[in-house]
Structures are given as structure tokens and as C-alpha cells.
Amino acid sequence: MPRSALSAVALAVPVLAAAGCGGGSSKPYTAAGTAPCLTTKGFTKVTTASARVGLIAAVAPNGGLRATSASGNVLTVAFAADEGAAASTRQAFRRHASPTYRLHIDDVMESKRNAVLVWTVTPGPKLLADAEGCLHS
């Protein structure tokens, strides 16, 4: 391949990634986009109904969901407006957790972009990967 063609390819890769071709999307994750995938990963009782997901997830701008893994671990996800707002959502979960639960909240809570995931019990690597892999816009 001629040197000029290699230079053009090298320049095109970052441009395509920035445009969303092969790169991650900058759109926020949503409850509506995520819930169907969780069902395919074996989660049951997947709901986005405000009355069923808990107060913090119910008022999240991009929705909330609750799902139960095959092992019985319950996952609650609150979808904040953006990655910056996820920090205040994490604080809300921490502030409203029971004193006992608060002791290990860092083991059961994490965030990815605008999604804040909270489990009843620390998830194993596969369960966590399945849930994170289902996060969609």
C-alpha cells in the first residue's frame, strides 16, 4: 500500500471512531433500551414501572429498572441525565440506604456512564458483565 494511502487510513480511523462508527455512543443509557436485553441474559421480573423500581430509580431522567438474576440477586438501575449527574444519583443511593446496607454500598454499587447499578449482593464477574453488556440507549 502506498505511503499516502496508509496516511489516509491512519487519519480516517479516529474520524470514524468519533462519528460513532466502531466507537461508543455518547447517547445516555436508558431503562427502555436496557430492559429487553436483561431478559435475554436470564434476568426475570424485569420492570421499568415507576411504582416497582424504587424512588431513586423512579425519578431518574432516563428511567429506572429493577431485575432479578437467576441466583436471586436483585439489580436496580437508575439512569441519570448524563455521566456528571450519575455522581448525585450515587450519593442519593448512599444517603437513603439502610445503615447496614450502607456499610457495604461500595461493594454493590457502581456506575457506567449515566447508569448507576445497585445490587442486593455483590455480583460475580459474569453477572456484572451481563448487566453492563445490556446497557443501551
N, C-alpha and C. Protein backbone atom coordinates (compact mmCIF):
# COMPACT_ATOMS: atom_id res chain seq x y z
N MET A 1 0.85 -1.17 0.00
CA MET A 1 0.00 0.00 0.00
C MET A 1 0.90 1.24 0.00
N PRO A 2 0.64 2.21 -0.88
CA PRO A 2 1.46 3.42 -0.93
C PRO A 2 1.38 4.18 0.40
N ARG A 3 2.43 4.93 0.67
CA ARG A 3 2.53 5.67 1.92
C ARG A 3 1.37 6.66 2.10
N SER A 4 0.94 7.32 1.04
CA SER A 4 -0.15 8.29 1.13
C SER A 4 -1.47 7.60 1.50
N ALA A 5 -1.67 6.37 1.00
CA ALA A 5 -2.88 5.62 1.34
C ALA A 5 -2.86 5.23 2.81
N LEU A 6 -1.69 4.82 3.30
CA LEU A 6 -1.58 4.48 4.72
C LEU A 6 -1.87 5.69 5.60
N SER A 7 -1.38 6.85 5.18
CA SER A 7 -1.64 8.08 5.94
C SER A 7 -3.13 8.40 5.96
N ALA A 8 -3.80 8.20 4.84
CA ALA A 8 -5.24 8.47 4.76
C ALA A 8 -6.02 7.53 5.67
N VAL A 9 -5.61 6.24 5.70
CA VAL A 9 -6.28 5.27 6.58
C VAL A 9 -6.04 5.65 8.04
N ALA A 10 -4.81 6.02 8.37
CA ALA A 10 -4.48 6.39 9.74
C ALA A 10 -5.29 7.60 10.20
N LEU A 11 -5.56 8.52 9.31
CA LEU A 11 -6.35 9.70 9.66
C LEU A 11 -7.84 9.37 9.73
N ALA A 12 -8.30 8.43 8.93
CA ALA A 12 -9.72 8.10 8.87
C ALA A 12 -10.20 7.36 10.11
N VAL A 13 -9.35 6.54 10.72
CA VAL A 13 -9.77 5.73 11.86
C VAL A 13 -10.27 6.60 13.02
N PRO A 14 -9.53 7.62 13.47
CA PRO A 14 -10.06 8.44 14.56
C PRO A 14 -11.34 9.19 14.19
N VAL A 15 -11.44 9.61 12.93
CA VAL A 15 -12.63 10.32 12.49
C VAL A 15 -13.85 9.40 12.55
N LEU A 16 -13.71 8.16 12.07
CA LEU A 16 -14.81 7.20 12.12
C LEU A 16 -15.19 6.87 13.55
N ALA A 17 -14.20 6.70 14.41
CA ALA A 17 -14.49 6.39 15.82
C ALA A 17 -15.24 7.54 16.46
N ALA A 18 -14.83 8.76 16.17
CA ALA A 18 -15.51 9.92 16.75
C ALA A 18 -16.94 10.05 16.24
N ALA A 19 -17.17 9.59 15.03
CA ALA A 19 -18.51 9.67 14.45
C ALA A 19 -19.43 8.56 14.95
N GLY A 20 -18.88 7.64 15.74
CA GLY A 20 -19.71 6.57 16.27
C GLY A 20 -19.59 5.28 15.50
N CYS A 21 -18.76 5.22 14.50
CA CYS A 21 -18.56 4.01 13.72
C CYS A 21 -17.48 3.18 14.41
N GLY A 22 -17.89 2.20 15.16
CA GLY A 22 -16.93 1.36 15.86
C GLY A 22 -16.57 1.91 17.22
N GLY A 23 -16.95 3.11 17.54
CA GLY A 23 -16.69 3.68 18.86
C GLY A 23 -17.95 3.65 19.69
N GLY A 24 -17.85 4.01 20.95
CA GLY A 24 -19.01 4.02 21.82
C GLY A 24 -19.91 5.20 21.51
N SER A 25 -21.16 5.06 21.81
CA SER A 25 -22.13 6.13 21.58
C SER A 25 -22.08 7.09 22.76
N SER A 26 -22.34 8.35 22.49
CA SER A 26 -22.39 9.31 23.59
C SER A 26 -23.81 9.49 24.10
N LYS A 27 -24.78 8.81 23.48
CA LYS A 27 -26.15 8.88 23.95
C LYS A 27 -26.24 8.26 25.34
N PRO A 28 -27.05 8.82 26.21
CA PRO A 28 -27.18 8.22 27.55
C PRO A 28 -27.91 6.88 27.49
N TYR A 29 -27.53 6.00 28.39
CA TYR A 29 -28.24 4.74 28.52
C TYR A 29 -29.65 5.02 29.05
N THR A 30 -30.61 4.17 28.70
CA THR A 30 -31.99 4.33 29.17
C THR A 30 -32.53 3.01 29.69
N ALA A 31 -33.56 3.12 30.53
CA ALA A 31 -34.23 1.92 31.04
C ALA A 31 -34.91 1.18 29.89
N ALA A 32 -35.57 1.92 29.03
CA ALA A 32 -36.29 1.29 27.91
C ALA A 32 -35.34 0.55 26.96
N GLY A 33 -34.15 1.07 26.76
CA GLY A 33 -33.19 0.42 25.87
C GLY A 33 -32.49 -0.78 26.51
N THR A 34 -32.43 -0.78 27.83
CA THR A 34 -31.69 -1.81 28.57
C THR A 34 -32.54 -3.01 28.96
N ALA A 35 -33.77 -2.79 29.36
CA ALA A 35 -34.63 -3.85 29.91
C ALA A 35 -34.77 -5.08 29.02
N PRO A 36 -35.03 -4.95 27.72
CA PRO A 36 -35.21 -6.16 26.90
C PRO A 36 -33.98 -7.07 26.90
N CYS A 37 -32.80 -6.51 26.91
CA CYS A 37 -31.57 -7.30 26.88
C CYS A 37 -31.42 -8.11 28.17
N LEU A 38 -31.78 -7.54 29.30
CA LEU A 38 -31.64 -8.26 30.57
C LEU A 38 -32.44 -9.55 30.55
N THR A 39 -33.60 -9.52 29.94
CA THR A 39 -34.43 -10.72 29.83
C THR A 39 -33.69 -11.80 29.04
N THR A 40 -32.99 -11.42 27.99
CA THR A 40 -32.25 -12.40 27.19
C THR A 40 -31.06 -12.97 27.93
N LYS A 41 -30.61 -12.28 28.97
CA LYS A 41 -29.47 -12.74 29.78
C LYS A 41 -29.93 -13.54 31.00
N GLY A 42 -31.22 -13.87 31.07
CA GLY A 42 -31.71 -14.71 32.15
C GLY A 42 -32.27 -13.99 33.36
N PHE A 43 -32.32 -12.67 33.30
CA PHE A 43 -32.94 -11.92 34.41
C PHE A 43 -34.45 -12.08 34.31
N THR A 44 -35.11 -12.13 35.45
CA THR A 44 -36.57 -12.23 35.49
C THR A 44 -37.13 -11.03 36.23
N LYS A 45 -38.43 -10.93 36.23
CA LYS A 45 -39.11 -9.81 36.91
C LYS A 45 -38.52 -8.47 36.50
N VAL A 46 -38.16 -8.34 35.23
CA VAL A 46 -37.59 -7.09 34.72
C VAL A 46 -38.73 -6.09 34.57
N THR A 47 -38.60 -4.96 35.25
CA THR A 47 -39.66 -3.95 35.17
C THR A 47 -39.06 -2.55 35.11
N THR A 48 -39.76 -1.68 34.40
CA THR A 48 -39.41 -0.27 34.36
C THR A 48 -40.54 0.58 34.95
N ALA A 49 -41.53 -0.09 35.55
CA ALA A 49 -42.67 0.61 36.13
C ALA A 49 -42.21 1.43 37.34
N SER A 50 -42.50 2.71 37.34
CA SER A 50 -42.06 3.61 38.41
C SER A 50 -42.43 3.12 39.80
N ALA A 51 -43.60 2.54 39.93
CA ALA A 51 -44.06 2.07 41.24
C ALA A 51 -43.28 0.85 41.73
N ARG A 52 -42.50 0.22 40.87
CA ARG A 52 -41.81 -1.03 41.22
C ARG A 52 -40.29 -0.92 41.32
N VAL A 53 -39.71 0.20 40.87
CA VAL A 53 -38.24 0.28 40.79
C VAL A 53 -37.58 0.99 41.96
N GLY A 54 -38.35 1.56 42.86
CA GLY A 54 -37.79 2.32 43.96
C GLY A 54 -37.74 3.80 43.62
N LEU A 55 -37.77 4.63 44.65
CA LEU A 55 -37.89 6.07 44.46
C LEU A 55 -36.77 6.68 43.63
N ILE A 56 -35.52 6.36 43.93
CA ILE A 56 -34.41 6.99 43.24
C ILE A 56 -34.42 6.64 41.75
N ALA A 57 -34.63 5.37 41.43
CA ALA A 57 -34.70 4.96 40.03
C ALA A 57 -35.95 5.50 39.36
N ALA A 58 -37.04 5.62 40.11
CA ALA A 58 -38.30 6.10 39.53
C ALA A 58 -38.21 7.55 39.06
N VAL A 59 -37.40 8.35 39.72
CA VAL A 59 -37.32 9.77 39.35
C VAL A 59 -36.11 10.08 38.45
N ALA A 60 -35.34 9.07 38.09
CA ALA A 60 -34.18 9.28 37.22
C ALA A 60 -34.64 9.75 35.84
N PRO A 61 -34.00 10.76 35.28
CA PRO A 61 -34.43 11.34 34.00
C PRO A 61 -34.53 10.36 32.83
N ASN A 62 -33.66 9.35 32.77
CA ASN A 62 -33.71 8.37 31.68
C ASN A 62 -34.30 7.05 32.13
N GLY A 63 -35.05 7.10 33.22
CA GLY A 63 -35.78 5.93 33.69
C GLY A 63 -35.02 5.10 34.71
N GLY A 64 -35.70 4.11 35.21
CA GLY A 64 -35.12 3.18 36.16
C GLY A 64 -35.65 1.79 35.88
N LEU A 65 -34.93 0.81 36.37
CA LEU A 65 -35.43 -0.56 36.21
C LEU A 65 -35.01 -1.39 37.40
N ARG A 66 -35.71 -2.49 37.57
CA ARG A 66 -35.37 -3.49 38.57
C ARG A 66 -35.48 -4.85 37.89
N ALA A 67 -34.51 -5.72 38.17
CA ALA A 67 -34.48 -7.06 37.57
C ALA A 67 -33.87 -8.02 38.57
N THR A 68 -34.27 -9.28 38.48
CA THR A 68 -33.76 -10.31 39.37
C THR A 68 -32.97 -11.33 38.57
N SER A 69 -31.75 -11.62 39.02
CA SER A 69 -30.92 -12.61 38.33
C SER A 69 -31.42 -14.01 38.69
N ALA A 70 -30.95 -15.02 37.95
CA ALA A 70 -31.34 -16.41 38.22
C ALA A 70 -30.95 -16.83 39.64
N SER A 71 -29.90 -16.23 40.18
CA SER A 71 -29.47 -16.57 41.54
C SER A 71 -30.24 -15.80 42.61
N GLY A 72 -31.13 -14.90 42.19
CA GLY A 72 -31.93 -14.14 43.14
C GLY A 72 -31.38 -12.77 43.51
N ASN A 73 -30.26 -12.39 42.93
CA ASN A 73 -29.66 -11.09 43.19
C ASN A 73 -30.50 -10.03 42.46
N VAL A 74 -30.98 -9.05 43.20
CA VAL A 74 -31.83 -8.01 42.61
C VAL A 74 -30.96 -6.83 42.20
N LEU A 75 -31.15 -6.40 40.97
CA LEU A 75 -30.44 -5.27 40.39
C LEU A 75 -31.41 -4.11 40.22
N THR A 76 -31.02 -2.95 40.72
CA THR A 76 -31.75 -1.72 40.47
C THR A 76 -30.81 -0.80 39.69
N VAL A 77 -31.32 -0.22 38.62
CA VAL A 77 -30.52 0.71 37.83
C VAL A 77 -31.27 2.01 37.69
N ALA A 78 -30.60 3.11 38.04
CA ALA A 78 -31.15 4.46 37.83
C ALA A 78 -30.34 5.08 36.71
N PHE A 79 -31.04 5.60 35.70
CA PHE A 79 -30.38 6.18 34.53
C PHE A 79 -30.43 7.70 34.64
N ALA A 80 -29.34 8.28 35.09
CA ALA A 80 -29.23 9.72 35.28
C ALA A 80 -29.25 10.43 33.92
N ALA A 81 -29.31 11.74 33.96
CA ALA A 81 -29.34 12.53 32.73
C ALA A 81 -28.06 12.37 31.91
N ASP A 82 -26.92 12.33 32.61
CA ASP A 82 -25.63 12.18 31.94
C ASP A 82 -24.62 11.67 32.96
N GLU A 83 -23.39 11.49 32.52
CA GLU A 83 -22.36 10.92 33.39
C GLU A 83 -22.10 11.81 34.62
N GLY A 84 -22.14 13.11 34.43
CA GLY A 84 -21.94 14.02 35.56
C GLY A 84 -23.01 13.90 36.61
N ALA A 85 -24.25 13.72 36.19
CA ALA A 85 -25.37 13.59 37.12
C ALA A 85 -25.38 12.25 37.84
N ALA A 86 -24.65 11.27 37.31
CA ALA A 86 -24.59 9.95 37.96
C ALA A 86 -23.98 10.07 39.36
N ALA A 87 -23.09 11.02 39.58
CA ALA A 87 -22.48 11.19 40.90
C ALA A 87 -23.53 11.55 41.95
N SER A 88 -24.47 12.42 41.62
CA SER A 88 -25.51 12.77 42.59
C SER A 88 -26.49 11.61 42.79
N THR A 89 -26.68 10.79 41.75
CA THR A 89 -27.53 9.61 41.89
C THR A 89 -26.87 8.60 42.82
N ARG A 90 -25.56 8.41 42.70
CA ARG A 90 -24.83 7.53 43.63
C ARG A 90 -24.96 8.06 45.06
N GLN A 91 -24.84 9.36 45.23
CA GLN A 91 -24.98 9.96 46.56
C GLN A 91 -26.39 9.72 47.12
N ALA A 92 -27.40 9.81 46.28
CA ALA A 92 -28.78 9.58 46.73
C ALA A 92 -28.94 8.14 47.21
N PHE A 93 -28.42 7.18 46.45
CA PHE A 93 -28.49 5.78 46.89
C PHE A 93 -27.77 5.60 48.23
N ARG A 94 -26.61 6.20 48.36
CA ARG A 94 -25.83 6.09 49.59
C ARG A 94 -26.59 6.71 50.77
N ARG A 95 -27.13 7.88 50.57
CA ARG A 95 -27.83 8.62 51.63
C ARG A 95 -29.08 7.88 52.10
N HIS A 96 -29.78 7.21 51.19
CA HIS A 96 -31.04 6.57 51.54
C HIS A 96 -30.92 5.08 51.85
N ALA A 97 -29.71 4.56 51.83
CA ALA A 97 -29.51 3.15 52.17
C ALA A 97 -29.66 2.95 53.68
N SER A 98 -30.10 1.77 54.06
CA SER A 98 -30.18 1.46 55.50
C SER A 98 -28.76 1.47 56.06
N PRO A 99 -28.61 1.70 57.36
CA PRO A 99 -27.27 1.73 57.96
C PRO A 99 -26.46 0.46 57.69
N THR A 100 -27.10 -0.68 57.75
CA THR A 100 -26.40 -1.95 57.49
C THR A 100 -25.96 -2.04 56.04
N TYR A 101 -26.84 -1.70 55.13
CA TYR A 101 -26.55 -1.76 53.70
C TYR A 101 -25.47 -0.73 53.33
N ARG A 102 -25.51 0.42 53.99
CA ARG A 102 -24.56 1.49 53.71
C ARG A 102 -23.12 1.03 53.98
N LEU A 103 -22.94 0.10 54.91
CA LEU A 103 -21.61 -0.39 55.25
C LEU A 103 -20.91 -1.05 54.06
N HIS A 104 -21.68 -1.66 53.17
CA HIS A 104 -21.06 -2.32 52.01
C HIS A 104 -21.59 -1.78 50.67
N ILE A 105 -22.08 -0.56 50.67
CA ILE A 105 -22.66 0.02 49.45
C ILE A 105 -21.63 0.09 48.32
N ASP A 106 -20.36 0.32 48.66
CA ASP A 106 -19.34 0.40 47.61
C ASP A 106 -19.09 -0.95 46.94
N ASP A 107 -19.46 -2.04 47.61
CA ASP A 107 -19.31 -3.37 47.02
C ASP A 107 -20.45 -3.72 46.07
N VAL A 108 -21.59 -3.07 46.24
CA VAL A 108 -22.78 -3.44 45.47
C VAL A 108 -23.23 -2.35 44.51
N MET A 109 -22.54 -1.21 44.50
CA MET A 109 -22.94 -0.10 43.64
C MET A 109 -21.78 0.30 42.73
N GLU A 110 -22.11 0.53 41.48
CA GLU A 110 -21.13 1.06 40.54
C GLU A 110 -21.87 1.84 39.47
N SER A 111 -21.12 2.60 38.71
CA SER A 111 -21.76 3.33 37.62
C SER A 111 -20.95 3.15 36.34
N LYS A 112 -21.68 3.23 35.27
CA LYS A 112 -21.08 3.19 33.94
C LYS A 112 -21.79 4.27 33.14
N ARG A 113 -21.02 5.27 32.71
CA ARG A 113 -21.59 6.47 32.09
C ARG A 113 -22.71 7.03 32.97
N ASN A 114 -23.94 7.07 32.46
CA ASN A 114 -25.02 7.67 33.24
C ASN A 114 -25.83 6.64 34.04
N ALA A 115 -25.47 5.37 33.96
CA ALA A 115 -26.22 4.32 34.65
C ALA A 115 -25.58 4.01 36.01
N VAL A 116 -26.41 4.01 37.06
CA VAL A 116 -25.94 3.65 38.39
C VAL A 116 -26.60 2.32 38.74
N LEU A 117 -25.78 1.28 38.91
CA LEU A 117 -26.25 -0.07 39.19
C LEU A 117 -26.09 -0.37 40.67
N VAL A 118 -27.14 -0.87 41.30
CA VAL A 118 -27.10 -1.24 42.71
C VAL A 118 -27.67 -2.65 42.84
N TRP A 119 -26.91 -3.53 43.48
CA TRP A 119 -27.28 -4.93 43.66
C TRP A 119 -27.62 -5.19 45.12
N THR A 120 -28.35 -6.26 45.41
CA THR A 120 -28.59 -6.62 46.81
C THR A 120 -27.37 -7.30 47.40
N VAL A 121 -26.62 -8.04 46.56
CA VAL A 121 -25.41 -8.75 46.98
C VAL A 121 -24.36 -8.50 45.90
N THR A 122 -23.11 -8.42 46.29
CA THR A 122 -22.04 -8.20 45.32
C THR A 122 -22.14 -9.23 44.20
N PRO A 123 -22.25 -8.78 42.94
CA PRO A 123 -22.39 -9.73 41.82
C PRO A 123 -21.04 -10.35 41.45
N GLY A 124 -21.10 -11.55 40.91
CA GLY A 124 -19.91 -12.17 40.37
C GLY A 124 -19.54 -11.50 39.06
N PRO A 125 -18.34 -11.77 38.55
CA PRO A 125 -17.89 -11.12 37.32
C PRO A 125 -18.80 -11.35 36.11
N LYS A 126 -19.31 -12.57 35.93
CA LYS A 126 -20.16 -12.86 34.78
C LYS A 126 -21.48 -12.11 34.88
N LEU A 127 -22.09 -12.11 36.06
CA LEU A 127 -23.36 -11.42 36.25
C LEU A 127 -23.19 -9.92 36.01
N LEU A 128 -22.12 -9.35 36.53
CA LEU A 128 -21.84 -7.94 36.32
C LEU A 128 -21.61 -7.64 34.85
N ALA A 129 -20.84 -8.48 34.18
CA ALA A 129 -20.58 -8.29 32.74
C ALA A 129 -21.86 -8.39 31.92
N ASP A 130 -22.74 -9.34 32.29
CA ASP A 130 -24.02 -9.46 31.58
C ASP A 130 -24.85 -8.19 31.73
N ALA A 131 -24.92 -7.67 32.95
CA ALA A 131 -25.72 -6.46 33.19
C ALA A 131 -25.13 -5.26 32.47
N GLU A 132 -23.82 -5.09 32.58
CA GLU A 132 -23.18 -3.95 31.90
C GLU A 132 -23.28 -4.08 30.39
N GLY A 133 -23.21 -5.28 29.88
CA GLY A 133 -23.32 -5.51 28.45
C GLY A 133 -24.71 -5.18 27.91
N CYS A 134 -25.69 -5.15 28.79
CA CYS A 134 -27.07 -4.85 28.37
C CYS A 134 -27.37 -3.36 28.40
N LEU A 135 -26.49 -2.54 28.91
CA LEU A 135 -26.75 -1.10 28.97
C LEU A 135 -26.83 -0.55 27.56
N HIS A 136 -27.99 0.00 27.20
CA HIS A 136 -28.21 0.55 25.86
C HIS A 136 -28.97 1.86 25.95
N SER A 137 -28.87 2.63 24.87
CA SER A 137 -29.57 3.90 24.77
C SER A 137 -31.02 3.67 24.42
